[in-house]
Amino acid sequence: MASIVLKSLSVLLGIFFIFVGTTKLTPQISKELHKDLRKEFTRYSKVFPLAQTLEFKIPSKWYRRTVGGLEVFCGFCLTFIPSKRIKQSANLVLAVMMLFATYNHWMVGDKFERLAPSLVFFFMLTCRLIVEYQIRRKEKVDKLAPKKASGTDTKEAANATATTSTTVQHNKLKKDL
């Protein structure tokens, strides 16, 4: 079940970010939306987080193109690339970008209606990370769990693990003293 949720989130988020990134790169999908995004990125480039610190002004055209290109690339990775590590990396990049988008909206004084989508997609990307972590953790537990066919009882294995853990902690305390 969790695997279906993860795949669904990956594909849907990937397609969404491919679409949104494409609208930032080209007016082919919607000329009005592209024109609006160009105006907005002019405002966002003025509040770019490192611009004031490094006294560096980023051109709004390149800021928009970079954000759009990263969204398309990461969306493509989430949708089509089967590697878990690449999907996780793309997910993290998109989550950080959503935090920057939230920051940009906040700093230019946008209303909550403009800020909310970046928060929603940040939380969706975070949920995807959590589901991936849970699946990976469950796989590790299943891999380490003793099989009943081998003749060991689950409680005995848990007790042995707890005893080993306690012994290791005890030895560490001895070294510290």
C-alpha atoms as a PDB file:
ATOM      1  CA  MET A   1       0.000   0.000   0.000  1.00  0.00           C
ATOM      2  CA  ALA A   2       2.749   2.477   0.947  1.00  0.00           C
ATOM      3  CA  SER A   3       4.550   1.743  -2.305  1.00  0.00           C
ATOM      4  CA  ILE A   4       1.427   2.715  -4.268  1.00  0.00           C
ATOM      5  CA  VAL A   5       1.187   5.960  -2.297  1.00  0.00           C
ATOM      6  CA  LEU A   6       4.850   6.714  -2.956  1.00  0.00           C
ATOM      7  CA  LYS A   7       4.593   6.015  -6.672  1.00  0.00           C
ATOM      8  CA  SER A   8       1.390   8.053  -6.958  1.00  0.00           C
ATOM      9  CA  LEU A   9       2.911  11.007  -5.121  1.00  0.00           C
ATOM     10  CA  SER A  10       6.054  10.800  -7.231  1.00  0.00           C
ATOM     11  CA  VAL A  11       4.196  10.761 -10.535  1.00  0.00           C
ATOM     12  CA  LEU A  12       1.638  13.421  -9.636  1.00  0.00           C
ATOM     13  CA  LEU A  13       4.167  15.789  -8.096  1.00  0.00           C
ATOM     14  CA  GLY A  14       6.551  15.193 -10.988  1.00  0.00           C
ATOM     15  CA  ILE A  15       3.925  15.987 -13.618  1.00  0.00           C
ATOM     16  CA  PHE A  16       2.851  19.084 -11.687  1.00  0.00           C
ATOM     17  CA  PHE A  17       6.403  20.432 -11.477  1.00  0.00           C
ATOM     18  CA  ILE A  18       7.054  19.668 -15.140  1.00  0.00           C
ATOM     19  CA  PHE A  19       3.950  21.716 -15.997  1.00  0.00           C
ATOM     20  CA  VAL A  20       4.751  24.609 -13.651  1.00  0.00           C
ATOM     21  CA  GLY A  21       8.393  24.721 -14.711  1.00  0.00           C
ATOM     22  CA  THR A  22       7.400  24.748 -18.361  1.00  0.00           C
ATOM     23  CA  THR A  23       5.106  27.737 -17.793  1.00  0.00           C
ATOM     24  CA  LYS A  24       8.093  29.605 -16.344  1.00  0.00           C
ATOM     25  CA  LEU A  25      10.268  28.756 -19.317  1.00  0.00           C
ATOM     26  CA  THR A  26       7.961  29.262 -22.277  1.00  0.00           C
ATOM     27  CA  PRO A  27       4.689  31.014 -23.157  1.00  0.00           C
ATOM     28  CA  GLN A  28       3.532  27.971 -25.191  1.00  0.00           C
ATOM     29  CA  ILE A  29       1.123  26.732 -22.504  1.00  0.00           C
ATOM     30  CA  SER A  30      -0.338  30.089 -21.420  1.00  0.00           C
ATOM     31  CA  LYS A  31       0.852  33.478 -22.609  1.00  0.00           C
ATOM     32  CA  GLU A  32      -0.954  35.335 -19.823  1.00  0.00           C
ATOM     33  CA  LEU A  33       0.461  33.109 -17.084  1.00  0.00           C
ATOM     34  CA  HIS A  34       3.965  33.372 -18.531  1.00  0.00           C
ATOM     35  CA  LYS A  35       3.676  37.171 -18.684  1.00  0.00           C
ATOM     36  CA  ASP A  36       2.454  37.272 -15.075  1.00  0.00           C
ATOM     37  CA  LEU A  37       5.315  35.028 -13.950  1.00  0.00           C
ATOM     38  CA  ARG A  38       7.828  37.312 -15.662  1.00  0.00           C
ATOM     39  CA  LYS A  39       6.476  40.280 -13.704  1.00  0.00           C
ATOM     40  CA  GLU A  40       6.456  38.333 -10.443  1.00  0.00           C
ATOM     41  CA  PHE A  41      10.036  37.116 -10.841  1.00  0.00           C
ATOM     42  CA  THR A  42      11.117  40.722 -11.297  1.00  0.00           C
ATOM     43  CA  ARG A  43       9.814  41.322  -7.767  1.00  0.00           C
ATOM     44  CA  TYR A  44      11.242  38.045  -6.422  1.00  0.00           C
ATOM     45  CA  SER A  45      14.745  38.712  -7.745  1.00  0.00           C
ATOM     46  CA  LYS A  46      14.877  41.858  -5.612  1.00  0.00           C
ATOM     47  CA  VAL A  47      14.350  39.849  -2.398  1.00  0.00           C
ATOM     48  CA  PHE A  48      16.544  36.886  -3.330  1.00  0.00           C
ATOM     49  CA  PRO A  49      18.046  35.726   0.011  1.00  0.00           C
ATOM     50  CA  LEU A  50      21.725  35.923  -0.935  1.00  0.00           C
ATOM     51  CA  ALA A  51      21.404  39.103  -2.989  1.00  0.00           C
ATOM     52  CA  GLN A  52      21.567  41.447  -0.008  1.00  0.00           C
ATOM     53  CA  THR A  53      24.189  39.442   1.864  1.00  0.00           C
ATOM     54  CA  LEU A  54      26.585  39.109  -1.060  1.00  0.00           C
ATOM     55  CA  GLU A  55      25.621  42.445  -2.626  1.00  0.00           C
ATOM     56  CA  PHE A  56      24.798  40.583  -5.804  1.00  0.00           C
ATOM     57  CA  LYS A  57      21.794  41.328  -7.976  1.00  0.00           C
ATOM     58  CA  ILE A  58      20.415  38.332  -9.802  1.00  0.00           C
ATOM     59  CA  PRO A  59      18.733  39.056 -13.156  1.00  0.00           C
ATOM     60  CA  SER A  60      15.042  38.149 -12.939  1.00  0.00           C
ATOM     61  CA  LYS A  61      15.169  36.453 -16.342  1.00  0.00           C
ATOM     62  CA  TRP A  62      17.859  34.010 -15.202  1.00  0.00           C
ATOM     63  CA  TYR A  63      16.245  33.504 -11.826  1.00  0.00           C
ATOM     64  CA  ARG A  64      12.965  32.524 -13.509  1.00  0.00           C
ATOM     65  CA  ARG A  65      14.734  30.286 -16.013  1.00  0.00           C
ATOM     66  CA  THR A  66      16.798  28.577 -13.326  1.00  0.00           C
ATOM     67  CA  VAL A  67      13.761  27.917 -11.138  1.00  0.00           C
ATOM     68  CA  GLY A  68      11.730  26.705 -14.121  1.00  0.00           C
ATOM     69  CA  GLY A  69      14.540  24.500 -15.397  1.00  0.00           C
ATOM     70  CA  LEU A  70      15.093  22.939 -11.976  1.00  0.00           C
ATOM     71  CA  GLU A  71      11.366  22.293 -11.602  1.00  0.00           C
ATOM     72  CA  VAL A  72      11.205  20.574 -14.989  1.00  0.00           C
ATOM     73  CA  PHE A  73      14.339  18.539 -14.309  1.00  0.00           C
ATOM     74  CA  CYS A  74      13.319  17.466 -10.796  1.00  0.00           C
ATOM     75  CA  GLY A  75       9.761  16.763 -11.951  1.00  0.00           C
ATOM     76  CA  PHE A  76      11.149  14.567 -14.716  1.00  0.00           C
ATOM     77  CA  CYS A  77      13.305  12.725 -12.166  1.00  0.00           C
ATOM     78  CA  LEU A  78      10.336  12.147  -9.851  1.00  0.00           C
ATOM     79  CA  THR A  79       8.152  10.891 -12.692  1.00  0.00           C
ATOM     80  CA  PHE A  80      10.429   8.847 -14.921  1.00  0.00           C
ATOM     81  CA  ILE A  81      13.734   7.944 -13.225  1.00  0.00           C
ATOM     82  CA  PRO A  82      13.471   4.673 -11.237  1.00  0.00           C
ATOM     83  CA  SER A  83      16.452   5.322  -8.923  1.00  0.00           C
ATOM     84  CA  LYS A  84      15.362   5.962  -5.323  1.00  0.00           C
ATOM     85  CA  ARG A  85      18.401   8.096  -4.593  1.00  0.00           C
ATOM     86  CA  ILE A  86      17.752  10.375  -7.574  1.00  0.00           C
ATOM     87  CA  LYS A  87      14.083  10.680  -6.622  1.00  0.00           C
ATOM     88  CA  GLN A  88      15.059  11.603  -3.053  1.00  0.00           C
ATOM     89  CA  SER A  89      17.514  14.212  -4.314  1.00  0.00           C
ATOM     90  CA  ALA A  90      14.936  15.707  -6.663  1.00  0.00           C
ATOM     91  CA  ASN A  91      12.396  15.709  -3.836  1.00  0.00           C
ATOM     92  CA  LEU A  92      14.795  17.558  -1.527  1.00  0.00           C
ATOM     93  CA  VAL A  93      15.671  20.135  -4.187  1.00  0.00           C
ATOM     94  CA  LEU A  94      11.977  20.797  -4.843  1.00  0.00           C
ATOM     95  CA  ALA A  95      11.216  21.052  -1.115  1.00  0.00           C
ATOM     96  CA  VAL A  96      13.964  23.641  -0.659  1.00  0.00           C
ATOM     97  CA  MET A  97      12.684  25.500  -3.716  1.00  0.00           C
ATOM     98  CA  MET A  98       9.200  25.583  -2.187  1.00  0.00           C
ATOM     99  CA  LEU A  99      10.663  27.077   0.976  1.00  0.00           C
ATOM    100  CA  PHE A 100      12.389  29.738  -1.137  1.00  0.00           C
ATOM    101  CA  ALA A 101       9.110  30.361  -2.975  1.00  0.00           C
ATOM    102  CA  THR A 102       7.349  30.828   0.358  1.00  0.00           C
ATOM    103  CA  TYR A 103      10.097  33.214   1.435  1.00  0.00           C
ATOM    104  CA  ASN A 104       9.793  35.180  -1.816  1.00  0.00           C
ATOM    105  CA  HIS A 105       6.024  35.512  -1.506  1.00  0.00           C
ATOM    106  CA  TRP A 106       6.338  36.578   2.124  1.00  0.00           C
ATOM    107  CA  MET A 107       9.051  39.166   1.462  1.00  0.00           C
ATOM    108  CA  VAL A 108       7.230  40.880  -1.409  1.00  0.00           C
ATOM    109  CA  GLY A 109       4.055  41.070   0.673  1.00  0.00           C
ATOM    110  CA  ASP A 110       1.876  38.702  -1.350  1.00  0.00           C
ATOM    111  CA  LYS A 111      -1.458  37.700   0.113  1.00  0.00           C
ATOM    112  CA  PHE A 112      -1.909  34.243   1.611  1.00  0.00           C
ATOM    113  CA  GLU A 113      -3.688  33.066  -1.572  1.00  0.00           C
ATOM    114  CA  ARG A 114      -0.406  33.498  -3.466  1.00  0.00           C
ATOM    115  CA  LEU A 115       1.676  31.989  -0.684  1.00  0.00           C
ATOM    116  CA  ALA A 116      -0.503  28.935   0.059  1.00  0.00           C
ATOM    117  CA  PRO A 117       0.343  26.780  -3.008  1.00  0.00           C
ATOM    118  CA  SER A 118       4.059  26.806  -2.216  1.00  0.00           C
ATOM    119  CA  LEU A 119       3.285  25.730   1.353  1.00  0.00           C
ATOM    120  CA  VAL A 120       0.920  22.986   0.187  1.00  0.00           C
ATOM    121  CA  PHE A 121       3.471  21.562  -2.225  1.00  0.00           C
ATOM    122  CA  PHE A 122       6.211  21.831   0.384  1.00  0.00           C
ATOM    123  CA  PHE A 123       4.090  19.692   2.719  1.00  0.00           C
ATOM    124  CA  MET A 124       3.277  17.225  -0.069  1.00  0.00           C
ATOM    125  CA  LEU A 125       6.975  16.867  -0.869  1.00  0.00           C
ATOM    126  CA  THR A 126       7.689  16.409   2.830  1.00  0.00           C
ATOM    127  CA  CYS A 127       5.005  13.703   3.006  1.00  0.00           C
ATOM    128  CA  ARG A 128       6.660  11.957   0.083  1.00  0.00           C
ATOM    129  CA  LEU A 129       9.979  12.023   1.959  1.00  0.00           C
ATOM    130  CA  ILE A 130       8.318  10.587   5.069  1.00  0.00           C
ATOM    131  CA  VAL A 131       6.617   7.780   3.133  1.00  0.00           C
ATOM    132  CA  GLU A 132       9.932   6.938   1.440  1.00  0.00           C
ATOM    133  CA  TYR A 133      11.657   6.854   4.831  1.00  0.00           C
ATOM    134  CA  GLN A 134       8.974   4.589   6.294  1.00  0.00           C
ATOM    135  CA  ILE A 135       9.179   2.172   3.379  1.00  0.00           C
ATOM    136  CA  ARG A 136      12.969   2.041   3.601  1.00  0.00           C
ATOM    137  CA  ARG A 137      12.816   1.518   7.382  1.00  0.00           C
ATOM    138  CA  LYS A 138      10.244  -1.269   7.024  1.00  0.00           C
ATOM    139  CA  GLU A 139      12.414  -2.983   4.410  1.00  0.00           C
ATOM    140  CA  LYS A 140      15.396  -2.867   6.773  1.00  0.00           C
ATOM    141  CA  VAL A 141      13.352  -4.252   9.667  1.00  0.00           C
ATOM    142  CA  ASP A 142      11.963  -7.027   7.471  1.00  0.00           C
ATOM    143  CA  LYS A 143      15.452  -7.837   6.268  1.00  0.00           C
ATOM    144  CA  LEU A 144      16.868  -8.005   9.801  1.00  0.00           C
ATOM    145  CA  ALA A 145      13.914  -9.825  11.334  1.00  0.00           C
ATOM    146  CA  PRO A 146      14.656 -13.486  11.951  1.00  0.00           C
ATOM    147  CA  LYS A 147      12.660 -15.933   9.908  1.00  0.00           C
ATOM    148  CA  LYS A 148      10.538 -18.430  11.789  1.00  0.00           C
ATOM    149  CA  ALA A 149      11.694 -21.129   9.415  1.00  0.00           C
ATOM    150  CA  SER A 150      15.229 -20.803  10.780  1.00  0.00           C
ATOM    151  CA  GLY A 151      14.033 -21.933  14.208  1.00  0.00           C
ATOM    152  CA  THR A 152      14.554 -18.709  16.193  1.00  0.00           C
ATOM    153  CA  ASP A 153      11.667 -17.070  17.936  1.00  0.00           C
ATOM    154  CA  THR A 154      11.008 -13.365  17.402  1.00  0.00           C
ATOM    155  CA  LYS A 155      11.025 -12.653  21.158  1.00  0.00           C
ATOM    156  CA  GLU A 156      14.354 -14.435  21.583  1.00  0.00           C
ATOM    157  CA  ALA A 157      15.876 -12.401  18.760  1.00  0.00           C
ATOM    158  CA  ALA A 158      14.525  -9.154  20.257  1.00  0.00           C
ATOM    159  CA  ASN A 159      15.968 -10.066  23.656  1.00  0.00           C
ATOM    160  CA  ALA A 160      19.324 -10.875  22.103  1.00  0.00           C
ATOM    161  CA  THR A 161      19.343  -7.530  20.286  1.00  0.00           C
ATOM    162  CA  ALA A 162      18.409  -5.652  23.477  1.00  0.00           C
ATOM    163  CA  THR A 163      21.114  -7.482  25.431  1.00  0.00           C
ATOM    164  CA  THR A 164      23.724  -6.679  22.792  1.00  0.00           C
ATOM    165  CA  SER A 165      22.654  -3.038  22.763  1.00  0.00           C
ATOM    166  CA  THR A 166      22.828  -2.819  26.549  1.00  0.00           C
ATOM    167  CA  THR A 167      26.286  -4.418  26.565  1.00  0.00           C
ATOM    168  CA  VAL A 168      27.561  -1.946  23.971  1.00  0.00           C
ATOM    169  CA  GLN A 169      26.204   0.990  25.992  1.00  0.00           C
ATOM    170  CA  HIS A 170      27.738  -0.400  29.175  1.00  0.00           C
ATOM    171  CA  ASN A 171      31.150  -0.722  27.482  1.00  0.00           C
ATOM    172  CA  LYS A 172      30.937   2.861  26.212  1.00  0.00           C
ATOM    173  CA  LEU A 173      30.209   4.125  29.715  1.00  0.00           C
ATOM    174  CA  LYS A 174      33.233   2.227  31.068  1.00  0.00           C
ATOM    175  CA  LYS A 175      35.471   3.875  28.467  1.00  0.00           C
ATOM    176  CA  ASP A 176      34.126   7.341  29.317  1.00  0.00           C
ATOM    177  CA  LEU A 177      34.818   6.872  33.019  1.00  0.00           C
END
